[in-house]
């Protein structure tokens, strides 16, 4: 599989993005969403080998995180102490809507059609993937949930089975102490209840993507 590693750091409509352009005229589009304390550079450890049939967009989250980096939820409005660091739907909705607008506006600026796009995220970024897929299923083709979880507050969306016909990839470490493996098992059940076809991979690692998960993710995004 042909891959490319050259990326560019850009600003676009008040966003900071790291982007890898595709080598084909009408590319698939992949959104990569970092976790808390991450930034626009964090997800490229996963994206280095992804096919050049993808235009890849990795944005910096809009809110600052402590002790460094950025977050997809406004900690000033929604303190971490209220939910043990696991944000609910209402804490992430504004960022999800902003990401949809970003994808529309940026791809339009390139004259690329992205009515549907693929999305992967790590940890808090994986929670964002869950929100995007369940709330905006018509916009998402494939979902990759890495070391993440499904936020609370999505039961009504799940009951409507918005993910029928969609593929979801879930990878998690059995030794993860930040987001425990039971949250991944719960996520798989919820995605299946929402109608998705789920591929689940476990590795004996902590809060990161293991070798088996990385290989399976690359295969998941090939088609």
N, C-alpha and C. Protein backbone atom coordinates (compact mmCIF):
# COMPACT_ATOMS: atom_id res chain seq x y z
N UNK A 1 0.84 -1.19 0.00
CA UNK A 1 0.00 0.00 0.00
C UNK A 1 0.87 1.24 0.00
N UNK A 2 0.59 2.16 -0.92
CA UNK A 2 1.37 3.38 -1.01
C UNK A 2 1.01 4.31 0.15
N UNK A 3 2.01 4.89 0.80
CA UNK A 3 1.77 5.80 1.90
C UNK A 3 2.60 7.05 1.71
N UNK A 4 2.27 8.08 2.48
CA UNK A 4 3.01 9.33 2.42
C UNK A 4 3.14 9.88 3.83
N UNK A 5 4.24 10.56 4.10
CA UNK A 5 4.48 11.06 5.45
C UNK A 5 4.54 12.58 5.51
N UNK A 6 4.53 13.26 4.39
CA UNK A 6 4.66 14.70 4.40
C UNK A 6 3.35 15.35 4.84
N UNK A 7 3.43 16.16 5.87
CA UNK A 7 2.26 16.88 6.36
C UNK A 7 2.58 18.38 6.37
N UNK A 8 1.53 19.18 6.50
CA UNK A 8 1.73 20.62 6.60
C UNK A 8 0.90 21.17 7.75
N UNK A 9 1.46 22.14 8.46
CA UNK A 9 0.77 22.81 9.55
C UNK A 9 0.15 24.08 9.00
N UNK A 10 -1.17 24.22 9.17
CA UNK A 10 -1.85 25.38 8.62
C UNK A 10 -2.83 25.95 9.63
N UNK A 11 -3.25 27.18 9.40
CA UNK A 11 -4.37 27.75 10.13
C UNK A 11 -5.51 27.96 9.14
N UNK A 12 -6.72 27.67 9.61
CA UNK A 12 -7.89 27.78 8.73
C UNK A 12 -9.09 28.13 9.59
N UNK A 13 -9.70 29.29 9.34
CA UNK A 13 -10.90 29.71 10.07
C UNK A 13 -10.75 29.55 11.59
N UNK A 14 -9.64 30.05 12.11
CA UNK A 14 -9.33 30.03 13.55
C UNK A 14 -8.99 28.64 14.09
N UNK A 15 -8.83 27.68 13.23
CA UNK A 15 -8.36 26.35 13.63
C UNK A 15 -6.87 26.22 13.31
N UNK A 16 -6.17 25.43 14.12
CA UNK A 16 -4.82 24.98 13.78
C UNK A 16 -4.93 23.53 13.36
N UNK A 17 -4.44 23.22 12.15
CA UNK A 17 -4.58 21.88 11.58
C UNK A 17 -3.22 21.36 11.13
N UNK A 18 -3.03 20.06 11.26
CA UNK A 18 -1.95 19.40 10.53
C UNK A 18 -2.62 18.51 9.50
N UNK A 19 -2.24 18.69 8.24
CA UNK A 19 -2.94 18.07 7.11
C UNK A 19 -1.97 17.29 6.25
N UNK A 20 -2.40 16.15 5.77
CA UNK A 20 -1.66 15.43 4.73
C UNK A 20 -2.56 15.32 3.52
N UNK A 21 -2.14 15.95 2.44
CA UNK A 21 -2.92 15.92 1.22
C UNK A 21 -2.85 14.53 0.58
N UNK A 22 -3.85 14.22 -0.23
CA UNK A 22 -3.89 12.95 -0.94
C UNK A 22 -3.16 13.06 -2.27
N UNK A 23 -2.80 11.92 -2.83
CA UNK A 23 -2.15 11.89 -4.14
C UNK A 23 -3.15 11.64 -5.27
N UNK A 24 -4.44 11.48 -4.91
CA UNK A 24 -5.44 11.23 -5.96
C UNK A 24 -6.42 12.40 -6.04
N UNK A 25 -7.15 12.46 -7.14
CA UNK A 25 -7.98 13.63 -7.42
C UNK A 25 -9.21 13.72 -6.53
N UNK A 26 -9.86 12.59 -6.28
CA UNK A 26 -11.08 12.58 -5.46
C UNK A 26 -10.86 11.67 -4.25
N UNK A 27 -10.16 12.17 -3.25
CA UNK A 27 -9.77 11.32 -2.13
C UNK A 27 -10.90 11.05 -1.15
N UNK A 28 -10.74 9.96 -0.40
CA UNK A 28 -11.51 9.80 0.83
C UNK A 28 -10.95 10.80 1.84
N UNK A 29 -11.75 11.13 2.83
CA UNK A 29 -11.32 12.10 3.84
C UNK A 29 -11.33 11.42 5.21
N UNK A 30 -10.24 11.61 5.95
CA UNK A 30 -10.11 11.04 7.29
C UNK A 30 -9.85 12.16 8.29
N UNK A 31 -10.69 12.22 9.31
CA UNK A 31 -10.51 13.14 10.43
C UNK A 31 -9.89 12.38 11.59
N UNK A 32 -8.79 12.89 12.14
CA UNK A 32 -8.13 12.27 13.30
C UNK A 32 -8.26 13.21 14.49
N UNK A 33 -8.81 12.68 15.61
CA UNK A 33 -9.13 13.51 16.77
C UNK A 33 -8.28 13.09 17.97
N UNK A 34 -7.46 14.02 18.45
CA UNK A 34 -6.54 13.70 19.56
C UNK A 34 -7.26 13.65 20.91
N UNK A 35 -6.59 13.11 21.90
CA UNK A 35 -7.12 13.04 23.25
C UNK A 35 -6.77 14.28 24.07
N UNK A 36 -7.23 14.29 25.32
CA UNK A 36 -6.96 15.42 26.20
C UNK A 36 -5.46 15.56 26.44
N UNK A 37 -4.98 16.79 26.45
CA UNK A 37 -3.58 17.22 26.53
C UNK A 37 -2.84 17.01 25.22
N UNK A 38 -3.52 16.54 24.19
CA UNK A 38 -2.88 16.39 22.88
C UNK A 38 -3.01 17.65 22.05
N UNK A 39 -2.58 17.53 20.79
CA UNK A 39 -2.71 18.64 19.84
C UNK A 39 -2.74 18.07 18.43
N UNK A 40 -2.58 18.95 17.45
CA UNK A 40 -2.68 18.56 16.05
C UNK A 40 -1.59 17.59 15.59
N UNK A 41 -0.57 17.40 16.42
CA UNK A 41 0.52 16.49 16.07
C UNK A 41 0.35 15.08 16.64
N UNK A 42 -0.52 14.94 17.63
CA UNK A 42 -0.56 13.72 18.44
C UNK A 42 -0.96 12.47 17.68
N UNK A 43 -1.86 12.59 16.71
CA UNK A 43 -2.44 11.41 16.07
C UNK A 43 -1.60 10.86 14.92
N UNK A 44 -0.53 11.54 14.56
CA UNK A 44 0.24 11.09 13.40
C UNK A 44 1.05 9.83 13.68
N UNK A 45 1.18 9.44 14.93
CA UNK A 45 1.79 8.15 15.24
C UNK A 45 0.95 7.03 14.64
N UNK A 46 -0.36 7.26 14.48
CA UNK A 46 -1.24 6.29 13.85
C UNK A 46 -1.29 6.47 12.34
N UNK A 47 -1.22 7.71 11.88
CA UNK A 47 -1.52 8.02 10.49
C UNK A 47 -0.40 7.85 9.50
N UNK A 48 0.82 7.53 9.94
CA UNK A 48 1.98 7.49 9.05
C UNK A 48 1.81 6.53 7.88
N UNK A 49 1.14 5.40 8.12
CA UNK A 49 1.05 4.37 7.09
C UNK A 49 -0.30 4.33 6.38
N UNK A 50 -1.15 5.28 6.66
CA UNK A 50 -2.46 5.27 6.01
C UNK A 50 -2.33 5.60 4.53
N UNK A 51 -3.17 5.01 3.74
CA UNK A 51 -3.11 5.12 2.28
C UNK A 51 -3.18 6.57 1.81
N UNK A 52 -2.49 6.85 0.71
CA UNK A 52 -2.54 8.18 0.11
C UNK A 52 -3.87 8.45 -0.59
N UNK A 53 -4.77 7.48 -0.58
CA UNK A 53 -6.13 7.75 -1.07
C UNK A 53 -6.90 8.63 -0.08
N UNK A 54 -6.31 8.86 1.09
CA UNK A 54 -6.91 9.72 2.10
C UNK A 54 -6.32 11.13 2.08
N UNK A 55 -7.19 12.13 2.15
CA UNK A 55 -6.84 13.44 2.67
C UNK A 55 -7.03 13.33 4.18
N UNK A 56 -5.98 13.60 4.97
CA UNK A 56 -6.06 13.43 6.42
C UNK A 56 -5.99 14.80 7.09
N UNK A 57 -6.94 15.03 7.99
CA UNK A 57 -7.04 16.31 8.71
C UNK A 57 -6.98 16.04 10.21
N UNK A 58 -6.03 16.67 10.88
CA UNK A 58 -5.88 16.51 12.33
C UNK A 58 -5.93 17.89 12.98
N UNK A 59 -7.06 18.28 13.56
CA UNK A 59 -7.20 19.60 14.16
C UNK A 59 -6.76 19.65 15.62
N UNK A 60 -6.39 20.84 16.06
CA UNK A 60 -6.14 21.11 17.47
C UNK A 60 -7.46 21.43 18.15
N UNK A 61 -7.73 20.81 19.30
CA UNK A 61 -8.97 21.07 20.02
C UNK A 61 -9.05 22.53 20.47
N UNK A 62 -10.27 23.06 20.66
CA UNK A 62 -10.43 24.49 20.91
C UNK A 62 -10.17 24.96 22.33
N UNK A 63 -10.08 24.05 23.30
CA UNK A 63 -9.95 24.46 24.69
C UNK A 63 -8.59 24.01 25.26
N UNK A 64 -8.04 24.80 26.16
CA UNK A 64 -6.78 24.41 26.79
C UNK A 64 -7.03 23.35 27.85
N UNK A 65 -6.04 22.48 28.02
CA UNK A 65 -6.11 21.42 29.03
C UNK A 65 -5.00 21.63 30.05
N UNK A 66 -5.15 21.03 31.19
CA UNK A 66 -4.12 21.08 32.23
C UNK A 66 -3.48 19.70 32.37
N UNK A 67 -2.14 19.62 32.53
CA UNK A 67 -1.19 20.72 32.70
C UNK A 67 -0.67 21.31 31.39
N UNK A 68 -1.09 20.74 30.25
CA UNK A 68 -0.62 21.23 28.95
C UNK A 68 -1.57 20.72 27.88
N UNK A 69 -1.39 21.20 26.67
CA UNK A 69 -2.15 20.70 25.54
C UNK A 69 -3.58 21.23 25.49
N UNK A 70 -4.44 20.45 24.82
CA UNK A 70 -5.78 20.94 24.48
C UNK A 70 -6.84 19.88 24.75
N UNK A 71 -8.10 20.35 24.83
CA UNK A 71 -9.22 19.49 25.19
C UNK A 71 -10.41 19.81 24.31
N UNK A 72 -11.28 18.81 24.14
CA UNK A 72 -12.51 18.98 23.36
C UNK A 72 -13.67 19.44 24.21
N UNK A 73 -13.47 19.56 25.50
CA UNK A 73 -14.52 20.11 26.34
C UNK A 73 -13.94 21.25 27.17
N UNK A 74 -14.79 22.24 27.41
CA UNK A 74 -14.41 23.44 28.15
C UNK A 74 -14.38 23.11 29.63
N UNK A 75 -13.18 22.94 30.18
CA UNK A 75 -13.05 22.53 31.58
C UNK A 75 -13.55 23.61 32.53
N UNK A 76 -13.52 24.86 32.11
CA UNK A 76 -14.04 25.93 32.97
C UNK A 76 -15.54 25.78 33.16
N UNK A 77 -16.25 25.37 32.12
CA UNK A 77 -17.69 25.17 32.23
C UNK A 77 -18.03 23.81 32.82
N UNK A 78 -17.18 22.81 32.53
CA UNK A 78 -17.45 21.44 32.95
C UNK A 78 -16.21 20.87 33.64
N UNK A 79 -16.01 21.17 34.91
CA UNK A 79 -14.80 20.72 35.62
C UNK A 79 -14.64 19.21 35.62
N UNK A 80 -13.38 18.76 35.59
CA UNK A 80 -13.10 17.33 35.57
C UNK A 80 -13.65 16.63 36.80
N UNK A 81 -13.71 17.33 37.94
CA UNK A 81 -14.14 16.70 39.17
C UNK A 81 -15.59 16.25 39.13
N UNK A 82 -16.38 16.79 38.20
CA UNK A 82 -17.79 16.44 38.15
C UNK A 82 -18.05 15.07 37.54
N UNK A 83 -17.08 14.53 36.81
CA UNK A 83 -17.35 13.27 36.10
C UNK A 83 -16.12 12.38 36.01
N UNK A 84 -15.16 12.60 36.90
CA UNK A 84 -13.95 11.77 36.95
C UNK A 84 -13.24 11.72 35.61
N UNK A 85 -13.30 12.83 34.88
CA UNK A 85 -12.57 12.93 33.63
C UNK A 85 -13.25 12.30 32.43
N UNK A 86 -14.45 11.75 32.60
CA UNK A 86 -15.17 11.10 31.51
C UNK A 86 -16.33 11.98 31.08
N UNK A 87 -16.16 12.82 30.06
CA UNK A 87 -17.20 13.77 29.71
C UNK A 87 -18.45 13.13 29.14
N UNK A 88 -19.59 13.79 29.40
CA UNK A 88 -20.88 13.37 28.87
C UNK A 88 -21.17 14.10 27.56
N UNK A 89 -22.25 13.70 26.89
CA UNK A 89 -22.60 14.26 25.60
C UNK A 89 -22.67 15.78 25.64
N UNK A 90 -23.36 16.35 26.64
CA UNK A 90 -23.57 17.80 26.66
C UNK A 90 -22.26 18.58 26.80
N UNK A 91 -21.20 17.92 27.27
CA UNK A 91 -19.91 18.57 27.41
C UNK A 91 -19.11 18.58 26.10
N UNK A 92 -19.51 17.74 25.15
CA UNK A 92 -18.76 17.59 23.90
C UNK A 92 -19.54 18.05 22.67
N UNK A 93 -20.82 18.35 22.83
CA UNK A 93 -21.66 18.67 21.68
C UNK A 93 -21.15 19.85 20.88
N UNK A 94 -20.73 20.91 21.57
CA UNK A 94 -20.30 22.11 20.84
C UNK A 94 -19.08 21.82 19.98
N UNK A 95 -18.15 21.01 20.48
CA UNK A 95 -16.97 20.65 19.70
C UNK A 95 -17.33 19.76 18.53
N UNK A 96 -18.31 18.86 18.74
CA UNK A 96 -18.74 18.00 17.64
C UNK A 96 -19.34 18.82 16.51
N UNK A 97 -20.18 19.77 16.85
CA UNK A 97 -20.78 20.64 15.83
C UNK A 97 -19.71 21.45 15.11
N UNK A 98 -18.72 21.93 15.88
CA UNK A 98 -17.64 22.72 15.29
C UNK A 98 -16.80 21.88 14.33
N UNK A 99 -16.60 20.60 14.67
CA UNK A 99 -15.83 19.72 13.78
C UNK A 99 -16.57 19.47 12.47
N UNK A 100 -17.88 19.30 12.54
CA UNK A 100 -18.66 19.12 11.31
C UNK A 100 -18.51 20.36 10.42
N UNK A 101 -18.61 21.53 11.01
CA UNK A 101 -18.46 22.76 10.23
C UNK A 101 -17.06 22.87 9.64
N UNK A 102 -16.06 22.51 10.44
CA UNK A 102 -14.68 22.54 9.95
C UNK A 102 -14.52 21.64 8.73
N UNK A 103 -15.02 20.42 8.81
CA UNK A 103 -14.88 19.49 7.70
C UNK A 103 -15.57 20.02 6.45
N UNK A 104 -16.75 20.60 6.63
CA UNK A 104 -17.47 21.16 5.49
C UNK A 104 -16.68 22.31 4.86
N UNK A 105 -16.22 23.21 5.69
CA UNK A 105 -15.58 24.43 5.18
C UNK A 105 -14.20 24.15 4.60
N UNK A 106 -13.42 23.29 5.26
CA UNK A 106 -12.07 23.03 4.76
C UNK A 106 -12.10 22.23 3.46
N UNK A 107 -12.92 21.18 3.42
CA UNK A 107 -12.98 20.39 2.18
C UNK A 107 -13.57 21.22 1.04
N UNK A 108 -14.52 22.10 1.34
CA UNK A 108 -15.07 22.98 0.31
C UNK A 108 -13.99 23.91 -0.24
N UNK A 109 -13.08 24.35 0.63
CA UNK A 109 -12.00 25.23 0.17
C UNK A 109 -11.06 24.52 -0.79
N UNK A 110 -11.01 23.19 -0.69
CA UNK A 110 -10.17 22.38 -1.59
C UNK A 110 -10.97 21.83 -2.77
N UNK A 111 -12.27 22.15 -2.77
CA UNK A 111 -13.18 21.60 -3.79
C UNK A 111 -13.20 20.06 -3.77
N UNK A 112 -13.21 19.52 -2.56
CA UNK A 112 -13.28 18.08 -2.35
C UNK A 112 -14.63 17.75 -1.72
N UNK A 113 -15.30 16.73 -2.23
CA UNK A 113 -16.59 16.31 -1.69
C UNK A 113 -16.36 15.47 -0.44
N UNK A 114 -16.98 15.87 0.66
CA UNK A 114 -16.83 15.12 1.91
C UNK A 114 -18.15 15.05 2.65
N UNK A 115 -19.21 14.71 1.91
CA UNK A 115 -20.50 14.55 2.57
C UNK A 115 -20.43 13.46 3.62
N UNK A 116 -19.59 12.44 3.35
CA UNK A 116 -19.28 11.43 4.36
C UNK A 116 -17.76 11.33 4.48
N UNK A 117 -17.28 11.14 5.70
CA UNK A 117 -15.85 10.98 5.93
C UNK A 117 -15.62 9.95 7.03
N UNK A 118 -14.40 9.45 7.09
CA UNK A 118 -14.00 8.52 8.14
C UNK A 118 -13.40 9.30 9.30
N UNK A 119 -13.49 8.75 10.50
CA UNK A 119 -12.97 9.45 11.68
C UNK A 119 -12.41 8.44 12.67
N UNK A 120 -11.23 8.77 13.21
CA UNK A 120 -10.65 7.98 14.30
C UNK A 120 -10.26 8.93 15.41
N UNK A 121 -10.28 8.44 16.64
CA UNK A 121 -9.91 9.26 17.77
C UNK A 121 -9.32 8.43 18.89
N UNK A 122 -8.50 9.07 19.71
CA UNK A 122 -7.83 8.40 20.83
C UNK A 122 -8.34 8.99 22.14
N UNK A 123 -8.77 8.13 23.07
CA UNK A 123 -9.17 8.51 24.42
C UNK A 123 -10.32 9.52 24.37
N UNK A 124 -10.13 10.76 24.85
CA UNK A 124 -11.20 11.75 24.74
C UNK A 124 -11.58 11.97 23.28
N UNK A 125 -10.61 11.87 22.39
CA UNK A 125 -10.90 11.96 20.96
C UNK A 125 -11.78 10.83 20.48
N UNK A 126 -11.63 9.64 21.09
CA UNK A 126 -12.50 8.51 20.75
C UNK A 126 -13.92 8.75 21.23
N UNK A 127 -14.07 9.42 22.37
CA UNK A 127 -15.39 9.83 22.83
C UNK A 127 -16.03 10.79 21.83
N UNK A 128 -15.22 11.68 21.27
CA UNK A 128 -15.71 12.58 20.23
C UNK A 128 -16.16 11.82 19.00
N UNK A 129 -15.42 10.78 18.63
CA UNK A 129 -15.82 9.92 17.50
C UNK A 129 -17.20 9.32 17.76
N UNK A 130 -17.42 8.84 19.00
CA UNK A 130 -18.71 8.26 19.36
C UNK A 130 -19.83 9.27 19.18
N UNK A 131 -19.60 10.51 19.62
CA UNK A 131 -20.62 11.56 19.49
C UNK A 131 -20.89 11.84 18.02
N UNK A 132 -19.83 12.01 17.22
CA UNK A 132 -20.02 12.31 15.80
C UNK A 132 -20.80 11.20 15.11
N UNK A 133 -20.43 9.96 15.37
CA UNK A 133 -21.08 8.85 14.69
C UNK A 133 -22.53 8.65 15.09
N UNK A 134 -22.83 8.83 16.38
CA UNK A 134 -24.18 8.57 16.86
C UNK A 134 -25.13 9.76 16.62
N UNK A 135 -24.60 10.97 16.68
CA UNK A 135 -25.43 12.16 16.50
C UNK A 135 -25.52 12.58 15.03
N UNK A 136 -24.44 12.34 14.28
CA UNK A 136 -24.40 12.73 12.86
C UNK A 136 -24.07 11.52 11.98
N UNK A 137 -24.85 10.44 12.07
CA UNK A 137 -24.49 9.20 11.34
C UNK A 137 -24.48 9.38 9.83
N UNK A 138 -25.26 10.32 9.32
CA UNK A 138 -25.28 10.54 7.87
C UNK A 138 -23.99 11.13 7.35
N UNK A 139 -23.15 11.67 8.25
CA UNK A 139 -21.90 12.29 7.84
C UNK A 139 -20.69 11.37 7.97
N UNK A 140 -20.85 10.27 8.69
CA UNK A 140 -19.70 9.41 9.02
C UNK A 140 -19.80 8.10 8.26
N UNK A 141 -18.67 7.69 7.64
CA UNK A 141 -18.61 6.41 6.93
C UNK A 141 -18.08 5.31 7.85
N UNK A 142 -16.87 5.49 8.38
CA UNK A 142 -16.27 4.53 9.30
C UNK A 142 -15.80 5.25 10.56
N UNK A 143 -15.82 4.54 11.69
CA UNK A 143 -15.41 5.09 12.98
C UNK A 143 -14.33 4.22 13.60
N UNK A 144 -13.27 4.85 14.13
CA UNK A 144 -12.23 4.15 14.86
C UNK A 144 -12.13 4.70 16.27
N UNK A 145 -12.41 3.86 17.26
CA UNK A 145 -12.45 4.26 18.67
C UNK A 145 -11.26 3.61 19.38
N UNK A 146 -10.23 4.40 19.68
CA UNK A 146 -8.96 3.89 20.19
C UNK A 146 -8.79 4.28 21.65
N UNK A 147 -8.71 3.29 22.52
CA UNK A 147 -8.52 3.53 23.96
C UNK A 147 -9.55 4.52 24.48
N UNK A 148 -10.80 4.36 24.04
CA UNK A 148 -11.81 5.35 24.35
C UNK A 148 -13.06 4.77 24.99
N UNK A 149 -14.16 5.52 24.87
CA UNK A 149 -15.40 5.17 25.54
C UNK A 149 -16.54 5.91 24.87
N UNK A 150 -17.77 5.48 25.17
CA UNK A 150 -18.96 6.17 24.71
C UNK A 150 -19.45 7.06 25.84
N UNK A 151 -19.53 8.37 25.64
CA UNK A 151 -20.00 9.26 26.71
C UNK A 151 -21.43 8.95 27.11
N UNK A 152 -21.78 9.31 28.32
CA UNK A 152 -23.17 9.18 28.75
C UNK A 152 -24.03 10.21 28.02
N UNK A 153 -25.33 9.98 28.02
CA UNK A 153 -26.26 10.92 27.40
C UNK A 153 -26.62 10.60 25.97
N UNK A 154 -26.18 9.44 25.46
CA UNK A 154 -26.43 9.08 24.07
C UNK A 154 -27.47 7.98 23.90
N UNK A 155 -28.14 7.61 24.98
CA UNK A 155 -29.08 6.47 24.94
C UNK A 155 -30.18 6.67 23.91
N UNK A 156 -30.73 7.86 23.83
CA UNK A 156 -31.83 8.11 22.89
C UNK A 156 -31.36 7.93 21.45
N UNK A 157 -30.15 8.39 21.16
CA UNK A 157 -29.60 8.22 19.81
C UNK A 157 -29.36 6.75 19.51
N UNK A 158 -28.78 6.03 20.48
CA UNK A 158 -28.48 4.61 20.29
C UNK A 158 -29.75 3.82 20.01
N UNK A 159 -30.84 4.16 20.69
CA UNK A 159 -32.10 3.42 20.52
C UNK A 159 -32.67 3.55 19.12
N UNK A 160 -32.26 4.58 18.40
CA UNK A 160 -32.75 4.79 17.03
C UNK A 160 -31.93 4.01 15.99
N UNK A 161 -30.93 3.26 16.46
CA UNK A 161 -30.07 2.43 15.60
C UNK A 161 -29.47 3.22 14.43
N UNK A 162 -28.76 4.31 14.73
CA UNK A 162 -28.23 5.16 13.66
C UNK A 162 -27.04 4.56 12.92
N UNK A 163 -26.45 3.48 13.45
CA UNK A 163 -25.24 2.94 12.85
C UNK A 163 -25.48 1.69 12.01
N UNK A 164 -26.73 1.42 11.67
CA UNK A 164 -27.02 0.26 10.82
C UNK A 164 -26.27 0.41 9.49
N UNK A 165 -25.55 -0.64 9.12
CA UNK A 165 -24.79 -0.63 7.87
C UNK A 165 -23.43 0.01 7.98
N UNK A 166 -23.05 0.48 9.17
CA UNK A 166 -21.75 1.14 9.34
C UNK A 166 -20.77 0.24 10.08
N UNK A 167 -19.49 0.47 9.81
CA UNK A 167 -18.42 -0.30 10.43
C UNK A 167 -17.72 0.54 11.50
N UNK A 168 -17.53 -0.06 12.68
CA UNK A 168 -16.87 0.61 13.80
C UNK A 168 -15.71 -0.25 14.27
N UNK A 169 -14.55 0.36 14.45
CA UNK A 169 -13.36 -0.33 14.95
C UNK A 169 -13.10 0.13 16.37
N UNK A 170 -12.92 -0.81 17.28
CA UNK A 170 -12.62 -0.51 18.69
C UNK A 170 -11.35 -1.25 19.07
N UNK A 171 -10.36 -0.52 19.57
CA UNK A 171 -9.12 -1.14 20.05
C UNK A 171 -8.83 -0.62 21.45
N UNK A 172 -8.37 -1.53 22.32
CA UNK A 172 -8.16 -1.13 23.72
C UNK A 172 -7.09 -2.02 24.36
N UNK A 173 -6.44 -1.47 25.36
CA UNK A 173 -5.43 -2.21 26.12
C UNK A 173 -6.03 -2.84 27.36
N UNK A 174 -5.72 -4.11 27.59
CA UNK A 174 -6.26 -4.80 28.77
C UNK A 174 -5.67 -4.25 30.06
N UNK A 175 -4.53 -3.55 29.96
CA UNK A 175 -3.88 -2.99 31.15
C UNK A 175 -4.10 -1.48 31.28
N UNK A 176 -5.05 -0.96 30.53
CA UNK A 176 -5.33 0.48 30.54
C UNK A 176 -5.94 0.87 31.88
N UNK A 177 -5.26 1.75 32.62
CA UNK A 177 -5.77 2.23 33.90
C UNK A 177 -6.41 3.61 33.77
N UNK A 178 -6.25 4.25 32.62
CA UNK A 178 -6.86 5.57 32.40
C UNK A 178 -8.31 5.43 31.96
N UNK A 179 -8.53 4.60 30.95
CA UNK A 179 -9.88 4.21 30.52
C UNK A 179 -9.90 2.69 30.58
N UNK A 180 -10.55 2.13 31.56
CA UNK A 180 -10.46 0.70 31.80
C UNK A 180 -11.12 -0.11 30.69
N UNK A 181 -10.68 -1.36 30.56
CA UNK A 181 -11.14 -2.22 29.48
C UNK A 181 -12.64 -2.46 29.53
N UNK A 182 -13.27 -2.37 30.69
CA UNK A 182 -14.72 -2.55 30.76
C UNK A 182 -15.46 -1.45 30.02
N UNK A 183 -14.84 -0.25 29.93
CA UNK A 183 -15.46 0.82 29.14
C UNK A 183 -15.46 0.47 27.65
N UNK A 184 -14.42 -0.23 27.20
CA UNK A 184 -14.37 -0.68 25.81
C UNK A 184 -15.42 -1.74 25.55
N UNK A 185 -15.56 -2.69 26.48
CA UNK A 185 -16.58 -3.73 26.32
C UNK A 185 -17.98 -3.11 26.27
N UNK A 186 -18.20 -2.10 27.12
CA UNK A 186 -19.48 -1.40 27.12
C UNK A 186 -19.69 -0.69 25.79
N UNK A 187 -18.63 -0.06 25.26
CA UNK A 187 -18.73 0.65 23.99
C UNK A 187 -19.12 -0.30 22.87
N UNK A 188 -18.50 -1.47 22.84
CA UNK A 188 -18.82 -2.45 21.80
C UNK A 188 -20.30 -2.81 21.85
N UNK A 189 -20.82 -3.05 23.05
CA UNK A 189 -22.24 -3.39 23.19
C UNK A 189 -23.14 -2.26 22.70
N UNK A 190 -22.77 -1.02 23.06
CA UNK A 190 -23.59 0.12 22.67
C UNK A 190 -23.57 0.34 21.16
N UNK A 191 -22.40 0.19 20.55
CA UNK A 191 -22.32 0.33 19.09
C UNK A 191 -23.14 -0.75 18.40
N UNK A 192 -23.08 -1.97 18.93
CA UNK A 192 -23.88 -3.06 18.35
C UNK A 192 -25.37 -2.80 18.54
N UNK A 193 -25.75 -2.26 19.69
CA UNK A 193 -27.16 -1.90 19.90
C UNK A 193 -27.60 -0.83 18.91
N UNK A 194 -26.64 0.05 18.53
CA UNK A 194 -26.93 1.11 17.56
C UNK A 194 -26.93 0.60 16.13
N UNK A 195 -26.64 -0.71 15.95
CA UNK A 195 -26.74 -1.32 14.63
C UNK A 195 -25.43 -1.52 13.90
N UNK A 196 -24.30 -1.15 14.51
CA UNK A 196 -23.02 -1.20 13.82
C UNK A 196 -22.46 -2.61 13.72
N UNK A 197 -21.61 -2.80 12.71
CA UNK A 197 -20.77 -3.99 12.61
C UNK A 197 -19.44 -3.62 13.27
N UNK A 198 -19.11 -4.26 14.40
CA UNK A 198 -17.98 -3.84 15.22
C UNK A 198 -16.83 -4.82 15.11
N UNK A 199 -15.63 -4.29 14.88
CA UNK A 199 -14.38 -5.04 14.96
C UNK A 199 -13.69 -4.63 16.25
N UNK A 200 -13.44 -5.60 17.15
CA UNK A 200 -12.86 -5.28 18.46
C UNK A 200 -11.51 -5.99 18.61
N UNK A 201 -10.49 -5.23 19.01
CA UNK A 201 -9.14 -5.78 19.18
C UNK A 201 -8.62 -5.38 20.55
N UNK A 202 -8.12 -6.36 21.30
CA UNK A 202 -7.48 -6.10 22.59
C UNK A 202 -5.98 -6.37 22.47
N UNK A 203 -5.19 -5.59 23.19
CA UNK A 203 -3.75 -5.83 23.32
C UNK A 203 -3.38 -5.75 24.79
N UNK A 204 -2.34 -6.48 25.19
CA UNK A 204 -1.87 -6.40 26.57
C UNK A 204 -0.98 -5.18 26.75
N UNK A 205 -1.59 -4.00 26.68
CA UNK A 205 -0.89 -2.73 26.82
C UNK A 205 -1.71 -1.83 27.72
N UNK A 206 -1.14 -0.68 28.08
CA UNK A 206 -1.84 0.32 28.87
C UNK A 206 -2.65 1.24 27.99
N UNK A 207 -2.58 2.55 28.29
CA UNK A 207 -3.41 3.54 27.59
C UNK A 207 -2.73 3.96 26.29
N UNK A 208 -2.74 3.03 25.35
CA UNK A 208 -2.16 3.27 24.03
C UNK A 208 -2.66 2.20 23.08
N UNK A 209 -2.28 2.32 21.82
CA UNK A 209 -2.67 1.33 20.83
C UNK A 209 -1.54 0.33 20.67
N UNK A 210 -1.83 -0.96 20.86
CA UNK A 210 -0.82 -1.99 20.73
C UNK A 210 -0.57 -2.37 19.28
N UNK A 211 0.39 -3.26 19.07
CA UNK A 211 0.79 -3.66 17.71
C UNK A 211 -0.36 -4.33 16.97
N UNK A 212 -1.12 -5.19 17.65
CA UNK A 212 -2.25 -5.85 16.99
C UNK A 212 -3.32 -4.84 16.59
N UNK A 213 -3.56 -3.88 17.49
CA UNK A 213 -4.54 -2.85 17.20
C UNK A 213 -4.12 -1.97 16.04
N UNK A 214 -2.83 -1.64 15.97
CA UNK A 214 -2.34 -0.79 14.89
C UNK A 214 -2.48 -1.49 13.55
N UNK A 215 -2.11 -2.75 13.50
CA UNK A 215 -2.22 -3.51 12.25
C UNK A 215 -3.68 -3.63 11.82
N UNK A 216 -4.55 -3.91 12.78
CA UNK A 216 -5.97 -4.07 12.47
C UNK A 216 -6.59 -2.74 12.03
N UNK A 217 -6.15 -1.63 12.63
CA UNK A 217 -6.66 -0.32 12.23
C UNK A 217 -6.28 0.00 10.80
N UNK A 218 -5.03 -0.28 10.43
CA UNK A 218 -4.60 -0.03 9.05
C UNK A 218 -5.43 -0.85 8.07
N UNK A 219 -5.71 -2.10 8.43
CA UNK A 219 -6.53 -2.95 7.56
C UNK A 219 -7.97 -2.43 7.49
N UNK A 220 -8.48 -1.96 8.61
CA UNK A 220 -9.85 -1.45 8.68
C UNK A 220 -10.05 -0.26 7.75
N UNK A 221 -9.02 0.56 7.61
CA UNK A 221 -9.12 1.79 6.81
C UNK A 221 -8.73 1.58 5.35
N UNK A 222 -8.40 0.37 4.95
CA UNK A 222 -7.97 0.13 3.57
C UNK A 222 -9.13 0.17 2.59
N UNK A 223 -10.34 -0.05 3.06
CA UNK A 223 -11.46 -0.26 2.12
C UNK A 223 -12.47 0.87 2.21
